[in-house]
């Protein structure tokens, strides 16, 4: 008898899980992905703007992690992987643009000199003195980045160097993210006995490399999404799942129209806020852990500006601290990935943990803010050729202190035959999602043997 699998959620986690299940279970298995969206892919969403393909959700992946390059190669898409052009971003702080400091771990500096001009002289002196000040670290500790870096390097380092990077990744801040999530190699160095934060950051720096830190997919993530859908041979049910029940053979999913979907095993590849409603009766321990994972929302405004618009030769701008700008980050996509076509592609990101910008700000206001920010940053005032506004509600989990324990609790409380995948488990980036989905599929295949 052939097996039937259901995957709840059609983002990258769900699609990778479906593909891995197909590879492991063979051509006779039934694999159904249930997702009410207008297309599959979740936050991997590519739009045509000004005649160009542009990702308006997740944009890049960390190229030194193996998961995405390996997956692209497995799908015969290795030739579609592209690298950045080599230009670097800027930080906007205190009304000025500054070079992004080099040799940092998610903005945590290894050398005070790299922050010269970005922070004041008193902060530089405080950082220089850090290795000589008493320091106590308990192995396994997971303070917020703000608590650790603020104490050892000063508040300006947190606001002007660390927050801009964490805001770009998590739509959060150093106050909401634990050190083990933001800088695991720094935490490991401290666990191993580094005598100061300075020593730990220097030990945690990756080895020098000329390779691009980030990669992307030529033509946008839709290329990867489409191939995963094709290779997995999935059936897409455009419905929302309301709950999951035990059944005489495996499981039964109930959708929002009260239709029933039987399955031998199920992958729940939904954001953390959606998980408790699905499993509250089946796995109360897992549901309780998922409820503790906080999330942020973000909005992306993608613009196609006229060709020749005078933008700097930088990959973008990260915003440090309060000021005149509305956006938390600006990506100069045509500079970052290389020019294609006759327009300049720009992305502006809005929304941070705790605010309602992505939910409550209208498209026209976001477009007005984008124009104002581009004028403030670069002194340009041009009408876009084309635009797109995308909103990602509750899509960015906050990896607070002890987050790994919450993720472990979610998994540990699940009965056999159910598995989870998603950005809230082992990392918010696409590589971590691929890894978590691969793990979920493997757990279910093992369960059936």
Protein backbone atom coordinates (compact mmCIF):
# COMPACT_ATOMS: atom_id res chain seq x y z
CA UNK A 1 0.00 0.00 0.00
CA UNK A 2 1.40 3.39 -0.97
CA UNK A 3 1.89 5.98 1.72
CA UNK A 4 0.16 9.35 1.89
CA UNK A 5 1.81 12.46 3.29
CA UNK A 6 0.36 15.88 3.96
CA UNK A 7 2.49 19.00 4.28
CA UNK A 8 0.79 22.00 5.86
CA UNK A 9 2.42 25.15 4.49
CA UNK A 10 3.79 25.79 1.03
CA UNK A 11 6.78 27.98 1.85
CA UNK A 12 10.37 26.88 1.28
CA UNK A 13 10.22 24.62 4.35
CA UNK A 14 7.10 22.83 3.15
CA UNK A 15 8.32 22.48 -0.42
CA UNK A 16 11.71 21.08 0.60
CA UNK A 17 9.94 18.65 2.95
CA UNK A 18 7.65 17.55 0.09
CA UNK A 19 10.63 17.05 -2.21
CA UNK A 20 12.59 15.08 0.40
CA UNK A 21 9.55 12.90 1.08
CA UNK A 22 9.23 12.17 -2.64
CA UNK A 23 12.88 11.18 -2.91
CA UNK A 24 12.64 8.91 0.15
CA UNK A 25 9.15 7.45 -0.34
CA UNK A 26 9.27 6.96 -4.08
CA UNK A 27 6.93 7.68 -6.96
CA UNK A 28 3.90 5.84 -5.54
CA UNK A 29 3.57 7.99 -2.40
CA UNK A 30 0.84 10.62 -2.32
CA UNK A 31 2.13 14.03 -1.25
CA UNK A 32 -0.32 16.87 -0.70
CA UNK A 33 0.68 20.42 0.20
CA UNK A 34 -2.10 22.44 1.81
CA UNK A 35 -1.69 26.21 1.63
CA UNK A 36 -4.35 28.87 0.95
CA UNK A 37 -1.97 31.43 -0.61
CA UNK A 38 -2.29 32.60 -4.20
CA UNK A 39 0.98 30.86 -5.04
CA UNK A 40 3.47 28.52 -3.42
CA UNK A 41 6.79 29.70 -2.02
CA UNK A 42 5.80 31.71 1.04
CA UNK A 43 8.32 34.50 1.61
CA UNK A 44 10.28 33.28 -1.41
CA UNK A 45 8.34 35.45 -3.82
CA UNK A 46 9.57 36.80 -7.13
CA UNK A 47 7.77 39.58 -8.99
CA UNK A 48 8.27 41.19 -12.39
CA UNK A 49 8.93 44.88 -11.77
CA UNK A 50 10.01 47.20 -14.55
CA UNK A 51 10.55 44.18 -16.74
CA UNK A 52 12.98 42.62 -14.27
CA UNK A 53 12.62 39.68 -11.88
CA UNK A 54 13.09 40.73 -8.26
CA UNK A 55 12.64 38.85 -5.01
CA UNK A 56 10.35 40.83 -2.73
CA UNK A 57 10.65 38.53 0.28
CA UNK A 58 13.79 36.63 1.20
CA UNK A 59 16.45 37.91 -1.14
CA UNK A 60 19.73 36.10 -0.49
CA UNK A 61 21.26 33.15 1.33
CA UNK A 62 24.52 32.73 3.20
CA UNK A 63 26.68 31.07 0.56
CA UNK A 64 29.18 29.49 2.95
CA UNK A 65 26.45 27.30 4.44
CA UNK A 66 26.14 24.15 2.30
CA UNK A 67 22.39 23.58 2.22
CA UNK A 68 21.26 25.83 -0.62
CA UNK A 69 24.20 25.26 -2.98
CA UNK A 70 23.82 21.51 -2.42
CA UNK A 71 20.07 21.66 -3.07
CA UNK A 72 20.56 23.71 -6.23
CA UNK A 73 23.12 21.18 -7.46
CA UNK A 74 20.79 18.30 -6.64
CA UNK A 75 18.05 19.96 -8.70
CA UNK A 76 20.46 20.64 -11.60
CA UNK A 77 20.26 24.37 -10.86
CA UNK A 78 23.85 24.94 -9.75
CA UNK A 79 24.41 27.15 -12.78
CA UNK A 80 21.66 29.45 -11.52
CA UNK A 81 23.53 30.40 -8.34
CA UNK A 82 24.88 33.95 -8.53
CA UNK A 83 27.13 35.97 -6.24
CA UNK A 84 27.17 39.58 -5.19
CA UNK A 85 29.12 42.09 -7.20
CA UNK A 86 31.49 42.74 -4.30
CA UNK A 87 30.27 46.22 -3.36
CA UNK A 88 29.63 46.76 0.35
CA UNK A 89 26.77 48.31 2.31
CA UNK A 90 26.71 51.52 4.29
CA UNK A 91 25.26 52.35 7.70
CA UNK A 92 23.12 55.45 8.16
CA UNK A 93 23.47 56.82 11.68
CA UNK A 94 23.15 60.24 13.26
CA UNK A 95 22.25 61.75 9.88
CA UNK A 96 25.35 60.47 8.06
CA UNK A 97 26.39 57.53 5.91
CA UNK A 98 29.27 55.40 7.18
CA UNK A 99 31.08 52.37 5.74
CA UNK A 100 29.89 49.10 7.24
CA UNK A 101 32.57 48.06 9.74
CA UNK A 102 34.72 45.15 8.62
CA UNK A 103 35.67 42.08 10.65
CA UNK A 104 32.53 41.95 12.74
CA UNK A 105 30.23 39.07 13.71
CA UNK A 106 26.74 40.36 12.92
CA UNK A 107 27.96 43.86 13.74
CA UNK A 108 29.85 42.92 16.92
CA UNK A 109 33.29 44.40 16.26
CA UNK A 110 36.63 42.67 16.69
CA UNK A 111 38.61 45.92 16.49
CA UNK A 112 37.57 49.31 17.90
CA UNK A 113 39.29 51.10 15.03
CA UNK A 114 36.69 49.73 12.60
CA UNK A 115 34.03 51.83 14.34
CA UNK A 116 35.98 55.09 14.22
CA UNK A 117 33.59 57.82 13.10
CA UNK A 118 30.54 55.63 13.69
CA UNK A 119 30.78 55.87 17.49
CA UNK A 120 32.30 58.57 19.68
CA UNK A 121 35.81 58.62 21.13
CA UNK A 122 34.64 57.68 24.62
CA UNK A 123 33.12 54.49 23.22
CA UNK A 124 36.33 53.69 21.34
CA UNK A 125 38.28 54.05 24.61
CA UNK A 126 35.74 51.85 26.43
CA UNK A 127 36.18 49.15 23.77
CA UNK A 128 39.97 49.38 23.90
CA UNK A 129 39.83 48.85 27.64
CA UNK A 130 37.41 45.93 27.46
CA UNK A 131 39.98 43.09 27.57
CA UNK A 132 41.35 44.51 30.85
CA UNK A 133 38.02 44.82 32.65
CA UNK A 134 36.77 41.94 34.85
CA UNK A 135 34.56 39.56 32.89
CA UNK A 136 32.46 36.62 34.04
CA UNK A 137 30.85 34.17 31.65
CA UNK A 138 28.87 31.05 32.52
CA UNK A 139 29.12 28.39 29.79
CA UNK A 140 25.72 27.86 28.19
CA UNK A 141 24.53 31.38 29.06
CA UNK A 142 22.37 33.12 26.46
CA UNK A 143 21.93 36.82 27.28
CA UNK A 144 20.47 39.21 24.76
CA UNK A 145 23.00 40.73 22.41
CA UNK A 146 22.18 44.16 23.86
CA UNK A 147 22.96 43.06 27.41
CA UNK A 148 26.31 41.50 26.50
CA UNK A 149 27.55 43.96 23.89
CA UNK A 150 26.12 46.99 25.67
CA UNK A 151 27.93 46.09 28.89
CA UNK A 152 31.27 45.29 27.27
CA UNK A 153 31.40 47.73 24.31
CA UNK A 154 28.78 50.38 25.06
CA UNK A 155 25.31 51.37 23.94
CA UNK A 156 26.47 53.18 20.81
CA UNK A 157 27.99 49.95 19.45
CA UNK A 158 24.65 48.21 19.98
CA UNK A 159 22.57 50.93 18.32
CA UNK A 160 24.88 51.92 15.48
CA UNK A 161 26.70 48.70 14.56
CA UNK A 162 24.78 45.66 15.82
CA UNK A 163 21.12 46.72 15.59
CA UNK A 164 21.29 47.61 11.88
CA UNK A 165 22.33 44.05 10.99
CA UNK A 166 19.92 42.29 13.35
CA UNK A 167 17.09 44.52 12.18
CA UNK A 168 17.82 43.49 8.61
CA UNK A 169 17.81 39.77 9.43
CA UNK A 170 15.13 39.46 12.11
CA UNK A 171 13.24 42.78 11.95
CA UNK A 172 14.22 42.78 15.62
CA UNK A 173 17.00 44.30 17.64
CA UNK A 174 19.85 43.40 19.93
CA UNK A 175 17.36 43.65 22.79
CA UNK A 176 15.16 40.88 21.37
CA UNK A 177 17.78 38.44 20.03
CA UNK A 178 19.95 36.08 22.10
CA UNK A 179 23.70 35.90 21.54
CA UNK A 180 23.53 32.20 20.64
CA UNK A 181 21.22 32.95 17.73
CA UNK A 182 22.84 36.18 16.54
CA UNK A 183 26.46 35.11 16.98
CA UNK A 184 26.76 31.41 17.82
CA UNK A 185 30.49 31.36 17.11
CA UNK A 186 31.01 34.15 19.66
CA UNK A 187 29.01 32.22 22.27
CA UNK A 188 31.08 29.10 21.53
CA UNK A 189 34.33 31.04 21.97
CA UNK A 190 33.08 32.34 25.31
CA UNK A 191 32.07 28.82 26.39
CA UNK A 192 35.59 27.66 25.54
CA UNK A 193 37.13 30.19 27.88
CA UNK A 194 37.72 33.42 25.97
CA UNK A 195 38.69 35.98 28.60
CA UNK A 196 36.86 38.93 27.06
CA UNK A 197 34.28 39.73 24.42
CA UNK A 198 37.05 41.17 22.24
CA UNK A 199 38.95 37.87 22.38
CA UNK A 200 35.78 35.90 21.66
CA UNK A 201 34.83 37.96 18.60
CA UNK A 202 38.34 37.67 17.16
CA UNK A 203 38.23 33.90 17.66
CA UNK A 204 34.79 33.73 16.07
CA UNK A 205 35.65 35.55 12.84
CA UNK A 206 35.41 33.31 9.79
CA UNK A 207 38.72 32.70 7.98
CA UNK A 208 39.57 35.29 5.33
CA UNK A 209 37.98 34.54 1.99
CA UNK A 210 37.48 36.27 -1.31
CA UNK A 211 34.27 34.33 -1.93
CA UNK A 212 30.96 36.15 -1.82
CA UNK A 213 29.25 35.93 1.56
CA UNK A 214 25.79 35.86 -0.03
CA UNK A 215 24.28 34.05 -2.95
CA UNK A 216 21.02 34.30 -4.85
CA UNK A 217 19.22 32.54 -7.68
CA UNK A 218 19.39 33.98 -11.18
CA UNK A 219 15.81 34.75 -12.14
CA UNK A 220 14.73 34.88 -8.51
CA UNK A 221 13.75 32.28 -5.96
CA UNK A 222 10.78 31.35 -8.13
CA UNK A 223 13.23 29.25 -10.16
CA UNK A 224 13.96 27.12 -7.08
CA UNK A 225 10.32 27.03 -5.98
CA UNK A 226 9.09 25.89 -9.39
CA UNK A 227 11.66 23.10 -9.59
CA UNK A 228 10.86 21.84 -6.08
CA UNK A 229 7.18 21.71 -7.00
CA UNK A 230 7.95 19.84 -10.21
CA UNK A 231 10.37 17.35 -8.68
CA UNK A 232 8.19 16.59 -5.68
CA UNK A 233 5.15 15.74 -7.80
CA UNK A 234 2.96 17.27 -5.15
CA UNK A 235 -0.74 17.99 -5.24
CA UNK A 236 -1.50 21.51 -4.06
CA UNK A 237 -4.72 22.00 -2.12
CA UNK A 238 -5.41 25.73 -1.88
CA UNK A 239 -7.05 25.54 1.54
CA UNK A 240 -6.20 26.52 5.11
CA UNK A 241 -5.88 23.70 7.64
CA UNK A 242 -7.77 24.32 10.86
CA UNK A 243 -6.69 21.37 12.97
CA UNK A 244 -5.09 17.91 12.99
CA UNK A 245 -6.66 14.80 14.56
CA UNK A 246 -5.60 11.22 15.07
CA UNK A 247 -7.25 8.75 12.72
CA UNK A 248 -7.46 4.95 12.65
CA UNK A 249 -4.57 5.01 10.21
CA UNK A 250 -2.34 7.98 10.92
CA UNK A 251 -3.89 11.43 10.82
CA UNK A 252 -6.76 13.50 9.55
CA UNK A 253 -6.49 17.20 8.71
CA UNK A 254 -9.58 19.38 8.78
CA UNK A 255 -9.56 22.44 6.54
CA UNK A 256 -11.48 25.71 6.85
CA UNK A 257 -14.37 24.28 4.82
CA UNK A 258 -14.58 21.17 7.07
CA UNK A 259 -13.15 18.90 4.39
CA UNK A 260 -11.04 16.00 5.70
CA UNK A 261 -7.58 15.09 4.44
CA UNK A 262 -6.20 11.71 5.57
CA UNK A 263 -2.44 11.12 5.86
CA UNK A 264 -0.09 8.49 7.19
CA UNK A 265 2.26 11.25 8.36
CA UNK A 266 2.25 15.05 8.41
CA UNK A 267 4.80 17.85 8.20
CA UNK A 268 3.63 21.08 9.83
CA UNK A 269 5.60 23.77 7.98
CA UNK A 270 3.73 26.80 9.29
CA UNK A 271 4.93 29.89 11.20
CA UNK A 272 5.11 29.54 14.98
CA UNK A 273 1.91 31.56 15.65
CA UNK A 274 -0.14 29.16 13.51
CA UNK A 275 1.16 25.95 15.06
CA UNK A 276 -0.72 25.92 18.42
CA UNK A 277 -4.19 25.94 16.83
CA UNK A 278 -3.26 22.87 14.76
CA UNK A 279 -1.88 20.74 17.58
CA UNK A 280 -3.24 22.12 20.88
CA UNK A 281 -5.08 18.88 21.69
CA UNK A 282 -2.52 16.49 20.21
CA UNK A 283 0.65 18.07 21.54
CA UNK A 284 -0.03 20.64 24.27
CA UNK A 285 3.64 20.77 25.27
CA UNK A 286 4.69 21.68 21.72
CA UNK A 287 1.87 24.19 21.39
CA UNK A 288 2.86 25.90 24.65
CA UNK A 289 6.47 26.24 23.49
CA UNK A 290 5.42 27.64 20.10
CA UNK A 291 3.28 30.29 21.80
CA UNK A 292 6.38 31.67 23.50
CA UNK A 293 8.12 32.42 20.19
CA UNK A 294 7.48 36.03 19.35
CA UNK A 295 7.31 37.31 15.78
CA UNK A 296 7.70 40.53 13.80
CA UNK A 297 6.12 41.74 10.60
CA UNK A 298 7.76 43.59 7.72
CA UNK A 299 6.87 45.30 4.47
CA UNK A 300 9.02 45.54 1.35
CA UNK A 301 8.68 48.29 -1.23
CA UNK A 302 10.38 47.31 -4.48
CA UNK A 303 11.02 50.07 -6.99
CA UNK A 304 12.23 50.14 -10.57
CA UNK A 305 13.89 53.55 -10.99
CA UNK A 306 14.78 55.07 -14.35
CA UNK A 307 18.08 53.90 -15.80
CA UNK A 308 20.92 56.22 -14.91
CA UNK A 309 19.45 57.28 -11.56
CA UNK A 310 22.57 58.36 -9.62
CA UNK A 311 22.85 55.71 -6.91
CA UNK A 312 26.14 55.03 -5.10
CA UNK A 313 28.24 51.98 -5.91
CA UNK A 314 27.18 50.25 -2.68
CA UNK A 315 25.00 47.22 -2.01
CA UNK A 316 22.63 49.19 0.20
CA UNK A 317 22.14 50.98 3.49
CA UNK A 318 21.41 49.64 6.97
CA UNK A 319 19.84 52.05 9.44
CA UNK A 320 21.31 52.51 12.90
CA UNK A 321 19.25 54.25 15.56
CA UNK A 322 16.36 56.69 15.38
CA UNK A 323 16.38 59.46 12.81
CA UNK A 324 14.67 60.87 9.74
CA UNK A 325 14.37 57.60 7.85
CA UNK A 326 11.28 55.41 7.87
CA UNK A 327 12.98 52.34 6.35
CA UNK A 328 15.14 49.99 8.39
CA UNK A 329 17.18 49.01 5.33
CA UNK A 330 17.60 49.82 1.65
CA UNK A 331 18.98 47.33 -0.86
CA UNK A 332 20.41 48.70 -4.08
CA UNK A 333 19.69 45.48 -5.91
CA UNK A 334 21.15 46.55 -9.25
CA UNK A 335 24.42 47.39 -7.50
CA UNK A 336 24.42 44.35 -5.20
CA UNK A 337 23.79 41.72 -7.87
CA UNK A 338 24.79 43.58 -11.02
CA UNK A 339 22.75 45.59 -13.47
CA UNK A 340 20.22 43.84 -15.67
CA UNK A 341 18.09 45.71 -18.16
CA UNK A 342 17.59 49.44 -18.34
CA UNK A 343 16.20 50.20 -14.85
CA UNK A 344 17.71 50.49 -11.37
CA UNK A 345 16.17 48.06 -8.90
CA UNK A 346 15.84 49.15 -5.26
CA UNK A 347 14.20 47.53 -2.24
CA UNK A 348 13.22 49.36 0.95
CA UNK A 349 12.29 47.37 4.07
CA UNK A 350 9.96 48.66 6.79
CA UNK A 351 8.76 47.35 10.11
CA UNK A 352 10.39 46.14 13.29
CA UNK A 353 9.43 43.90 16.16
CA UNK A 354 6.79 45.60 18.30
CA UNK A 355 5.49 48.06 15.71
CA UNK A 356 2.45 47.86 13.42
CA UNK A 357 3.96 49.44 10.32
CA UNK A 358 3.55 46.41 8.06
CA UNK A 359 -0.05 45.84 9.17
CA UNK A 360 -1.40 49.36 9.27
CA UNK A 361 0.51 51.55 6.82
CA UNK A 362 -1.10 51.85 3.39
CA UNK A 363 0.72 51.28 0.12
CA UNK A 364 0.63 54.96 -0.86
CA UNK A 365 2.15 56.02 2.44
CA UNK A 366 4.89 53.40 2.14
CA UNK A 367 5.65 54.67 -1.36
CA UNK A 368 5.79 58.26 -0.05
CA UNK A 369 8.14 57.19 2.74
CA UNK A 370 10.33 55.39 0.19
CA UNK A 371 10.65 58.52 -1.94
CA UNK A 372 11.49 60.61 1.13
CA UNK A 373 14.12 58.14 2.31
CA UNK A 374 15.82 57.93 -1.08
CA UNK A 375 16.02 61.72 -1.17
CA UNK A 376 17.41 61.86 2.38
CA UNK A 377 20.00 59.18 1.71
CA UNK A 378 21.11 59.91 -1.84
CA UNK A 379 19.64 63.29 -2.75
CA UNK A 380 17.58 61.79 -5.56
CA UNK A 381 13.98 62.58 -6.41
CA UNK A 382 12.64 60.52 -9.30
CA UNK A 383 9.35 58.83 -10.05
CA UNK A 384 9.65 55.04 -10.24
CA UNK A 385 8.95 53.29 -13.52
CA UNK A 386 7.21 50.50 -11.64
CA UNK A 387 6.73 49.33 -8.05
CA UNK A 388 5.49 46.52 -5.85
CA UNK A 389 4.56 46.43 -2.15
CA UNK A 390 4.79 43.11 -0.28
CA UNK A 391 3.81 42.49 3.34
CA UNK A 392 5.09 39.68 5.49
CA UNK A 393 2.85 39.49 8.53
CA UNK A 394 4.16 37.55 11.57
CA UNK A 395 6.81 36.07 9.29
CA UNK A 396 9.98 36.91 11.21
CA UNK A 397 10.52 34.92 14.43
CA UNK A 398 12.52 36.55 17.19
CA UNK A 399 15.33 34.30 18.38
CA UNK A 400 15.35 35.43 22.00
CA UNK A 401 17.49 34.07 24.83
CA UNK A 402 17.21 30.27 25.21
CA UNK A 403 15.44 30.01 21.85
CA UNK A 404 17.10 26.67 21.11
CA UNK A 405 15.38 25.22 24.19
CA UNK A 406 11.98 26.34 22.88
CA UNK A 407 12.65 24.76 19.49
CA UNK A 408 13.70 21.53 21.17
CA UNK A 409 10.54 21.61 23.28
CA UNK A 410 8.36 22.03 20.19
CA UNK A 411 9.92 18.96 18.61
CA UNK A 412 10.03 16.84 21.77
CA UNK A 413 6.31 17.21 22.45
CA UNK A 414 5.15 15.88 19.07
CA UNK A 415 3.74 12.39 18.68
CA UNK A 416 5.27 10.03 16.13
CA UNK A 417 4.06 10.73 12.64
CA UNK A 418 4.05 14.51 13.05
CA UNK A 419 7.10 16.66 12.31
CA UNK A 420 7.71 20.39 12.15
CA UNK A 421 9.73 22.64 9.87
CA UNK A 422 10.05 26.38 9.56
CA UNK A 423 12.08 29.52 10.13
CA UNK A 424 11.31 29.57 13.86
CA UNK A 425 13.27 26.39 14.64
CA UNK A 426 16.96 26.39 13.73
CA UNK A 427 17.50 29.69 11.95
CA UNK A 428 15.58 32.28 10.01
CA UNK A 429 17.55 32.03 6.75
CA UNK A 430 16.79 29.83 3.77
CA UNK A 431 19.70 27.42 4.48
CA UNK A 432 18.40 26.72 7.99
CA UNK A 433 14.88 26.22 6.63
CA UNK A 434 16.19 23.69 4.11
CA UNK A 435 18.01 21.85 6.90
CA UNK A 436 14.96 21.80 9.20
CA UNK A 437 12.70 20.56 6.40
CA UNK A 438 15.17 17.82 5.49
CA UNK A 439 15.23 16.74 9.13
CA UNK A 440 11.42 16.70 9.32
CA UNK A 441 11.08 14.52 6.24
CA UNK A 442 13.76 12.13 7.49
CA UNK A 443 11.96 11.75 10.83
CA UNK A 444 8.73 10.73 9.12
CA UNK A 445 10.39 8.29 6.75
CA UNK A 446 12.20 6.65 9.68
CA UNK A 447 8.91 6.50 11.59
CA UNK A 448 7.31 4.50 8.77
CA UNK A 449 10.06 1.87 8.57
